[in-house]
């Protein structure tokens, strides 16, 4: 079974990759149609903001996990 750290890293990697694609679409103004419906650019901007928020919280949780490991390791050394 995967550890929480592995899942968080996979999330950050996947969200980052998707964010790059959204940013490239906005930068190069690629047109996307889905079953005859033009996908508005503001949807990509909204998705980019939401992905940024998800990346932020995943990285924050990763840092918390790292801090807990360091604290556990230092408390073992003191004994």
PDB file of N, CA and C in Angstrom:
ATOM      1  N   UNK A   1       0.837  -1.182   0.000  1.00  0.00           N
ATOM      2  CA  UNK A   1       0.000   0.000   0.000  1.00  0.00           C
ATOM      3  C   UNK A   1       0.882   1.245   0.000  1.00  0.00           C
ATOM      4  N   UNK A   2       0.465   2.283  -0.705  1.00  0.00           N
ATOM      5  CA  UNK A   2       1.245   3.512  -0.822  1.00  0.00           C
ATOM      6  C   UNK A   2       1.185   4.329   0.459  1.00  0.00           C
ATOM      7  N   UNK A   3       2.294   4.972   0.764  1.00  0.00           N
ATOM      8  CA  UNK A   3       2.320   5.850   1.924  1.00  0.00           C
ATOM      9  C   UNK A   3       1.687   7.193   1.560  1.00  0.00           C
ATOM     10  N   UNK A   4       1.343   7.952   2.572  1.00  0.00           N
ATOM     11  CA  UNK A   4       0.750   9.271   2.358  1.00  0.00           C
ATOM     12  C   UNK A   4       1.719  10.164   1.595  1.00  0.00           C
ATOM     13  N   UNK A   5       2.980  10.053   1.912  1.00  0.00           N
ATOM     14  CA  UNK A   5       4.005  10.861   1.238  1.00  0.00           C
ATOM     15  C   UNK A   5       4.024  10.574  -0.270  1.00  0.00           C
ATOM     16  N   UNK A   6       3.930   9.307  -0.643  1.00  0.00           N
ATOM     17  CA  UNK A   6       3.920   8.925  -2.059  1.00  0.00           C
ATOM     18  C   UNK A   6       2.697   9.489  -2.763  1.00  0.00           C
ATOM     19  N   UNK A   7       1.548   9.384  -2.129  1.00  0.00           N
ATOM     20  CA  UNK A   7       0.305   9.891  -2.717  1.00  0.00           C
ATOM     21  C   UNK A   7       0.384  11.407  -2.896  1.00  0.00           C
ATOM     22  N   UNK A   8       0.914  12.103  -1.908  1.00  0.00           N
ATOM     23  CA  UNK A   8       1.036  13.558  -2.005  1.00  0.00           C
ATOM     24  C   UNK A   8       1.977  13.964  -3.136  1.00  0.00           C
ATOM     25  N   UNK A   9       3.102  13.252  -3.288  1.00  0.00           N
ATOM     26  CA  UNK A   9       4.026  13.554  -4.379  1.00  0.00           C
ATOM     27  C   UNK A   9       3.382  13.275  -5.738  1.00  0.00           C
ATOM     28  N   UNK A  10       2.620  12.201  -5.830  1.00  0.00           N
ATOM     29  CA  UNK A  10       1.918  11.909  -7.087  1.00  0.00           C
ATOM     30  C   UNK A  10       0.900  13.006  -7.399  1.00  0.00           C
ATOM     31  N   UNK A  11       0.177  13.466  -6.375  1.00  0.00           N
ATOM     32  CA  UNK A  11      -0.780  14.553  -6.561  1.00  0.00           C
ATOM     33  C   UNK A  11      -0.093  15.806  -7.073  1.00  0.00           C
ATOM     34  N   UNK A  12       0.991  16.198  -6.414  1.00  0.00           N
ATOM     35  CA  UNK A  12       1.706  17.409  -6.809  1.00  0.00           C
ATOM     36  C   UNK A  12       2.215  17.279  -8.248  1.00  0.00           C
ATOM     37  N   UNK A  13       2.753  16.130  -8.596  1.00  0.00           N
ATOM     38  CA  UNK A  13       3.264  15.919  -9.952  1.00  0.00           C
ATOM     39  C   UNK A  13       2.155  15.993 -10.988  1.00  0.00           C
ATOM     40  N   UNK A  14       1.063  15.315 -10.718  1.00  0.00           N
ATOM     41  CA  UNK A  14      -0.049  15.300 -11.664  1.00  0.00           C
ATOM     42  C   UNK A  14      -0.698  16.674 -11.787  1.00  0.00           C
ATOM     43  N   UNK A  15      -0.939  17.339 -10.661  1.00  0.00           N
ATOM     44  CA  UNK A  15      -1.542  18.673 -10.693  1.00  0.00           C
ATOM     45  C   UNK A  15      -0.634  19.662 -11.416  1.00  0.00           C
ATOM     46  N   UNK A  16       0.672  19.526 -11.223  1.00  0.00           N
ATOM     47  CA  UNK A  16       1.618  20.418 -11.898  1.00  0.00           C
ATOM     48  C   UNK A  16       1.591  20.207 -13.408  1.00  0.00           C
ATOM     49  N   UNK A  17       1.568  18.965 -13.822  1.00  0.00           N
ATOM     50  CA  UNK A  17       1.524  18.655 -15.253  1.00  0.00           C
ATOM     51  C   UNK A  17       0.252  19.208 -15.892  1.00  0.00           C
ATOM     52  N   UNK A  18      -0.864  18.999 -15.251  1.00  0.00           N
ATOM     53  CA  UNK A  18      -2.140  19.511 -15.770  1.00  0.00           C
ATOM     54  C   UNK A  18      -2.122  21.041 -15.784  1.00  0.00           C
ATOM     55  N   UNK A  19      -1.542  21.639 -14.740  1.00  0.00           N
ATOM     56  CA  UNK A  19      -1.443  23.097 -14.686  1.00  0.00           C
ATOM     57  C   UNK A  19      -0.612  23.662 -15.829  1.00  0.00           C
ATOM     58  N   UNK A  20       0.473  22.976 -16.170  1.00  0.00           N
ATOM     59  CA  UNK A  20       1.310  23.422 -17.293  1.00  0.00           C
ATOM     60  C   UNK A  20       0.512  23.396 -18.588  1.00  0.00           C
ATOM     61  N   UNK A  21      -0.278  22.362 -18.790  1.00  0.00           N
ATOM     62  CA  UNK A  21      -1.099  22.269 -20.013  1.00  0.00           C
ATOM     63  C   UNK A  21      -2.114  23.408 -20.056  1.00  0.00           C
ATOM     64  N   UNK A  22      -2.753  23.701 -18.926  1.00  0.00           N
ATOM     65  CA  UNK A  22      -3.708  24.820 -18.883  1.00  0.00           C
ATOM     66  C   UNK A  22      -3.000  26.145 -19.157  1.00  0.00           C
ATOM     67  N   UNK A  23      -1.824  26.328 -18.572  1.00  0.00           N
ATOM     68  CA  UNK A  23      -1.074  27.564 -18.793  1.00  0.00           C
ATOM     69  C   UNK A  23      -0.644  27.702 -20.254  1.00  0.00           C
ATOM     70  N   UNK A  24      -0.229  26.601 -20.874  1.00  0.00           N
ATOM     71  CA  UNK A  24       0.158  26.635 -22.280  1.00  0.00           C
ATOM     72  C   UNK A  24      -1.025  26.989 -23.174  1.00  0.00           C
ATOM     73  N   UNK A  25      -2.200  26.459 -22.832  1.00  0.00           N
ATOM     74  CA  UNK A  25      -3.386  26.796 -23.622  1.00  0.00           C
ATOM     75  C   UNK A  25      -3.681  28.287 -23.530  1.00  0.00           C
ATOM     76  N   UNK A  26      -3.557  28.843 -22.335  1.00  0.00           N
ATOM     77  CA  UNK A  26      -3.797  30.276 -22.180  1.00  0.00           C
ATOM     78  C   UNK A  26      -2.720  31.099 -22.887  1.00  0.00           C
ATOM     79  N   UNK A  27      -1.472  30.677 -22.794  1.00  0.00           N
ATOM     80  CA  UNK A  27      -0.364  31.414 -23.383  1.00  0.00           C
ATOM     81  C   UNK A  27      -0.432  31.427 -24.909  1.00  0.00           C
ATOM     82  N   UNK A  28      -0.683  30.273 -25.491  1.00  0.00           N
ATOM     83  CA  UNK A  28      -0.703  30.161 -26.952  1.00  0.00           C
ATOM     84  C   UNK A  28      -2.109  30.289 -27.551  1.00  0.00           C
ATOM     85  N   UNK A  29      -3.101  30.476 -26.707  1.00  0.00           N
ATOM     86  CA  UNK A  29      -4.503  30.652 -27.112  1.00  0.00           C
ATOM     87  C   UNK A  29      -4.981  29.534 -28.041  1.00  0.00           C
ATOM     88  N   UNK A  30      -4.716  28.301 -27.609  1.00  0.00           N
ATOM     89  CA  UNK A  30      -5.200  27.151 -28.358  1.00  0.00           C
ATOM     90  C   UNK A  30      -6.710  27.062 -28.212  1.00  0.00           C
ATOM     91  N   UNK A  31      -7.376  26.766 -29.308  1.00  0.00           N
ATOM     92  CA  UNK A  31      -8.823  26.605 -29.264  1.00  0.00           C
ATOM     93  C   UNK A  31      -9.157  25.146 -28.979  1.00  0.00           C
ATOM     94  N   UNK A  32     -10.102  24.944 -28.070  1.00  0.00           N
ATOM     95  CA  UNK A  32     -10.549  23.607 -27.717  1.00  0.00           C
ATOM     96  C   UNK A  32     -12.059  23.577 -27.857  1.00  0.00           C
ATOM     97  N   UNK A  33     -12.544  22.579 -28.579  1.00  0.00           N
ATOM     98  CA  UNK A  33     -13.993  22.386 -28.680  1.00  0.00           C
ATOM     99  C   UNK A  33     -14.326  20.996 -28.169  1.00  0.00           C
ATOM    100  N   UNK A  34     -15.427  20.935 -27.479  1.00  0.00           N
ATOM    101  CA  UNK A  34     -15.880  19.673 -26.920  1.00  0.00           C
ATOM    102  C   UNK A  34     -17.303  19.458 -27.368  1.00  0.00           C
ATOM    103  N   UNK A  35     -17.502  18.500 -28.279  1.00  0.00           N
ATOM    104  CA  UNK A  35     -18.805  18.205 -28.874  1.00  0.00           C
ATOM    105  C   UNK A  35     -19.479  19.471 -29.405  1.00  0.00           C
ATOM    106  N   UNK A  36     -18.696  20.266 -30.141  1.00  0.00           N
ATOM    107  CA  UNK A  36     -19.225  21.471 -30.755  1.00  0.00           C
ATOM    108  C   UNK A  36     -19.276  22.686 -29.839  1.00  0.00           C
ATOM    109  N   UNK A  37     -18.868  22.533 -28.595  1.00  0.00           N
ATOM    110  CA  UNK A  37     -18.897  23.637 -27.633  1.00  0.00           C
ATOM    111  C   UNK A  37     -17.486  24.153 -27.423  1.00  0.00           C
ATOM    112  N   UNK A  38     -17.291  25.460 -27.640  1.00  0.00           N
ATOM    113  CA  UNK A  38     -15.979  26.075 -27.439  1.00  0.00           C
ATOM    114  C   UNK A  38     -15.722  26.219 -25.947  1.00  0.00           C
ATOM    115  N   UNK A  39     -14.595  25.698 -25.495  1.00  0.00           N
ATOM    116  CA  UNK A  39     -14.224  25.797 -24.081  1.00  0.00           C
ATOM    117  C   UNK A  39     -13.606  27.175 -23.855  1.00  0.00           C
ATOM    118  N   UNK A  40     -14.235  27.964 -22.998  1.00  0.00           N
ATOM    119  CA  UNK A  40     -13.796  29.337 -22.757  1.00  0.00           C
ATOM    120  C   UNK A  40     -12.453  29.361 -22.032  1.00  0.00           C
ATOM    121  N   UNK A  41     -11.692  30.421 -22.303  1.00  0.00           N
ATOM    122  CA  UNK A  41     -10.382  30.557 -21.681  1.00  0.00           C
ATOM    123  C   UNK A  41     -10.485  30.782 -20.173  1.00  0.00           C
ATOM    124  N   UNK A  42     -11.560  31.412 -19.744  1.00  0.00           N
ATOM    125  CA  UNK A  42     -11.693  31.666 -18.303  1.00  0.00           C
ATOM    126  C   UNK A  42     -11.823  30.366 -17.522  1.00  0.00           C
ATOM    127  N   UNK A  43     -12.340  29.311 -18.163  1.00  0.00           N
ATOM    128  CA  UNK A  43     -12.383  28.012 -17.486  1.00  0.00           C
ATOM    129  C   UNK A  43     -10.974  27.483 -17.229  1.00  0.00           C
ATOM    130  N   UNK A  44     -10.079  27.705 -18.191  1.00  0.00           N
ATOM    131  CA  UNK A  44      -8.689  27.298 -17.982  1.00  0.00           C
ATOM    132  C   UNK A  44      -8.037  28.124 -16.883  1.00  0.00           C
ATOM    133  N   UNK A  45      -8.345  29.407 -16.843  1.00  0.00           N
ATOM    134  CA  UNK A  45      -7.784  30.259 -15.793  1.00  0.00           C
ATOM    135  C   UNK A  45      -8.291  29.813 -14.422  1.00  0.00           C
ATOM    136  N   UNK A  46      -9.572  29.496 -14.334  1.00  0.00           N
ATOM    137  CA  UNK A  46     -10.146  29.013 -13.081  1.00  0.00           C
ATOM    138  C   UNK A  46      -9.506  27.685 -12.677  1.00  0.00           C
ATOM    139  N   UNK A  47      -9.353  26.785 -13.630  1.00  0.00           N
ATOM    140  CA  UNK A  47      -8.716  25.489 -13.353  1.00  0.00           C
ATOM    141  C   UNK A  47      -7.276  25.682 -12.892  1.00  0.00           C
ATOM    142  N   UNK A  48      -6.584  26.637 -13.474  1.00  0.00           N
ATOM    143  CA  UNK A  48      -5.205  26.908 -13.095  1.00  0.00           C
ATOM    144  C   UNK A  48      -5.121  27.406 -11.650  1.00  0.00           C
ATOM    145  N   UNK A  49      -6.049  28.277 -11.267  1.00  0.00           N
ATOM    146  CA  UNK A  49      -6.086  28.767  -9.882  1.00  0.00           C
ATOM    147  C   UNK A  49      -6.387  27.618  -8.922  1.00  0.00           C
ATOM    148  N   UNK A  50      -7.378  26.805  -9.249  1.00  0.00           N
ATOM    149  CA  UNK A  50      -7.735  25.681  -8.382  1.00  0.00           C
ATOM    150  C   UNK A  50      -6.594  24.667  -8.268  1.00  0.00           C
ATOM    151  N   UNK A  51      -5.921  24.408  -9.361  1.00  0.00           N
ATOM    152  CA  UNK A  51      -4.772  23.498  -9.330  1.00  0.00           C
ATOM    153  C   UNK A  51      -3.660  24.074  -8.452  1.00  0.00           C
ATOM    154  N   UNK A  52      -3.448  25.377  -8.550  1.00  0.00           N
ATOM    155  CA  UNK A  52      -2.444  26.024  -7.707  1.00  0.00           C
ATOM    156  C   UNK A  52      -2.760  25.876  -6.233  1.00  0.00           C
ATOM    157  N   UNK A  53      -4.032  26.016  -5.886  1.00  0.00           N
ATOM    158  CA  UNK A  53      -4.459  25.851  -4.497  1.00  0.00           C
ATOM    159  C   UNK A  53      -4.231  24.415  -4.037  1.00  0.00           C
ATOM    160  N   UNK A  54      -4.603  23.451  -4.883  1.00  0.00           N
ATOM    161  CA  UNK A  54      -4.403  22.045  -4.514  1.00  0.00           C
ATOM    162  C   UNK A  54      -2.924  21.704  -4.369  1.00  0.00           C
ATOM    163  N   UNK A  55      -2.088  22.249  -5.255  1.00  0.00           N
ATOM    164  CA  UNK A  55      -0.649  22.013  -5.147  1.00  0.00           C
ATOM    165  C   UNK A  55      -0.127  22.601  -3.845  1.00  0.00           C
ATOM    166  N   UNK A  56      -0.557  23.808  -3.519  1.00  0.00           N
ATOM    167  CA  UNK A  56      -0.108  24.474  -2.288  1.00  0.00           C
ATOM    168  C   UNK A  56      -0.401  23.617  -1.054  1.00  0.00           C
ATOM    169  N   UNK A  57      -1.645  23.138  -0.944  1.00  0.00           N
ATOM    170  CA  UNK A  57      -2.011  22.371   0.237  1.00  0.00           C
ATOM    171  C   UNK A  57      -1.337  20.998   0.285  1.00  0.00           C
ATOM    172  N   UNK A  58      -1.091  20.395  -0.872  1.00  0.00           N
ATOM    173  CA  UNK A  58      -0.364  19.125  -0.895  1.00  0.00           C
ATOM    174  C   UNK A  58       1.084  19.316  -0.476  1.00  0.00           C
ATOM    175  N   UNK A  59       1.724  20.373  -0.948  1.00  0.00           N
ATOM    176  CA  UNK A  59       3.106  20.651  -0.556  1.00  0.00           C
ATOM    177  C   UNK A  59       3.172  21.000   0.927  1.00  0.00           C
ATOM    178  N   UNK A  60       2.187  21.748   1.402  1.00  0.00           N
ATOM    179  CA  UNK A  60       2.137  22.087   2.831  1.00  0.00           C
ATOM    180  C   UNK A  60       2.047  20.820   3.681  1.00  0.00           C
ATOM    181  N   UNK A  61       1.212  19.885   3.258  1.00  0.00           N
ATOM    182  CA  UNK A  61       1.079  18.618   3.986  1.00  0.00           C
ATOM    183  C   UNK A  61       2.375  17.810   3.910  1.00  0.00           C
ATOM    184  N   UNK A  62       3.042  17.844   2.768  1.00  0.00           N
ATOM    185  CA  UNK A  62       4.332  17.156   2.643  1.00  0.00           C
ATOM    186  C   UNK A  62       5.356  17.728   3.616  1.00  0.00           C
ATOM    187  N   UNK A  63       5.384  19.043   3.737  1.00  0.00           N
ATOM    188  CA  UNK A  63       6.321  19.677   4.664  1.00  0.00           C
ATOM    189  C   UNK A  63       5.980  19.320   6.102  1.00  0.00           C
ATOM    190  N   UNK A  64       4.681  19.228   6.418  1.00  0.00           N
ATOM    191  CA  UNK A  64       4.275  18.805   7.763  1.00  0.00           C
ATOM    192  C   UNK A  64       4.750  17.382   8.033  1.00  0.00           C
ATOM    193  N   UNK A  65       4.596  16.503   7.049  1.00  0.00           N
ATOM    194  CA  UNK A  65       5.049  15.125   7.185  1.00  0.00           C
ATOM    195  C   UNK A  65       6.555  15.080   7.411  1.00  0.00           C
ATOM    196  N   UNK A  66       7.287  15.893   6.669  1.00  0.00           N
ATOM    197  CA  UNK A  66       8.740  15.937   6.809  1.00  0.00           C
ATOM    198  C   UNK A  66       9.115  16.452   8.190  1.00  0.00           C
ATOM    199  N   UNK A  67       8.396  17.470   8.681  1.00  0.00           N
ATOM    200  CA  UNK A  67       8.657  18.007  10.018  1.00  0.00           C
ATOM    201  C   UNK A  67       8.400  16.979  11.098  1.00  0.00           C
ATOM    202  N   UNK A  68       7.346  16.181  10.937  1.00  0.00           N
ATOM    203  CA  UNK A  68       7.050  15.125  11.914  1.00  0.00           C
ATOM    204  C   UNK A  68       8.156  14.073  11.918  1.00  0.00           C
ATOM    205  N   UNK A  69       8.680  13.731  10.743  1.00  0.00           N
ATOM    206  CA  UNK A  69       9.769  12.748  10.667  1.00  0.00           C
ATOM    207  C   UNK A  69      11.009  13.281  11.370  1.00  0.00           C
ATOM    208  N   UNK A  70      11.313  14.558  11.145  1.00  0.00           N
ATOM    209  CA  UNK A  70      12.501  15.152  11.759  1.00  0.00           C
ATOM    210  C   UNK A  70      12.329  15.195  13.272  1.00  0.00           C
ATOM    211  N   UNK A  71      11.143  15.575  13.751  1.00  0.00           N
ATOM    212  CA  UNK A  71      10.898  15.631  15.192  1.00  0.00           C
ATOM    213  C   UNK A  71      10.978  14.244  15.815  1.00  0.00           C
ATOM    214  N   UNK A  72      10.425  13.242  15.154  1.00  0.00           N
ATOM    215  CA  UNK A  72      10.501  11.876  15.681  1.00  0.00           C
ATOM    216  C   UNK A  72      11.939  11.402  15.730  1.00  0.00           C
ATOM    217  N   UNK A  73      12.698  11.724  14.690  1.00  0.00           N
ATOM    218  CA  UNK A  73      14.100  11.318  14.652  1.00  0.00           C
ATOM    219  C   UNK A  73      14.926  11.990  15.715  1.00  0.00           C
ATOM    220  N   UNK A  74      14.679  13.262  15.984  1.00  0.00           N
ATOM    221  CA  UNK A  74      15.465  13.974  16.998  1.00  0.00           C
ATOM    222  C   UNK A  74      15.077  13.532  18.408  1.00  0.00           C
ATOM    223  N   UNK A  75      13.812  13.152  18.614  1.00  0.00           N
ATOM    224  CA  UNK A  75      13.407  12.689  19.938  1.00  0.00           C
ATOM    225  C   UNK A  75      14.001  11.307  20.236  1.00  0.00           C
ATOM    226  N   UNK A  76      14.214  10.500  19.204  1.00  0.00           N
ATOM    227  CA  UNK A  76      14.838   9.185  19.399  1.00  0.00           C
ATOM    228  C   UNK A  76      16.310   9.337  19.764  1.00  0.00           C
ATOM    229  N   UNK A  77      16.971  10.346  19.195  1.00  0.00           N
ATOM    230  CA  UNK A  77      18.388  10.551  19.453  1.00  0.00           C
ATOM    231  C   UNK A  77      18.622  11.029  20.888  1.00  0.00           C
ATOM    232  N   UNK A  78      17.685  11.761  21.444  1.00  0.00           N
ATOM    233  CA  UNK A  78      17.842  12.294  22.794  1.00  0.00           C
ATOM    234  C   UNK A  78      17.784  11.211  23.850  1.00  0.00           C
ATOM    235  N   UNK A  79      17.142  10.107  23.555  1.00  0.00           N
ATOM    236  CA  UNK A  79      16.968   9.037  24.541  1.00  0.00           C
ATOM    237  C   UNK A  79      18.212   8.315  24.777  1.00  0.00           C
TER     238      UNK A  79
END
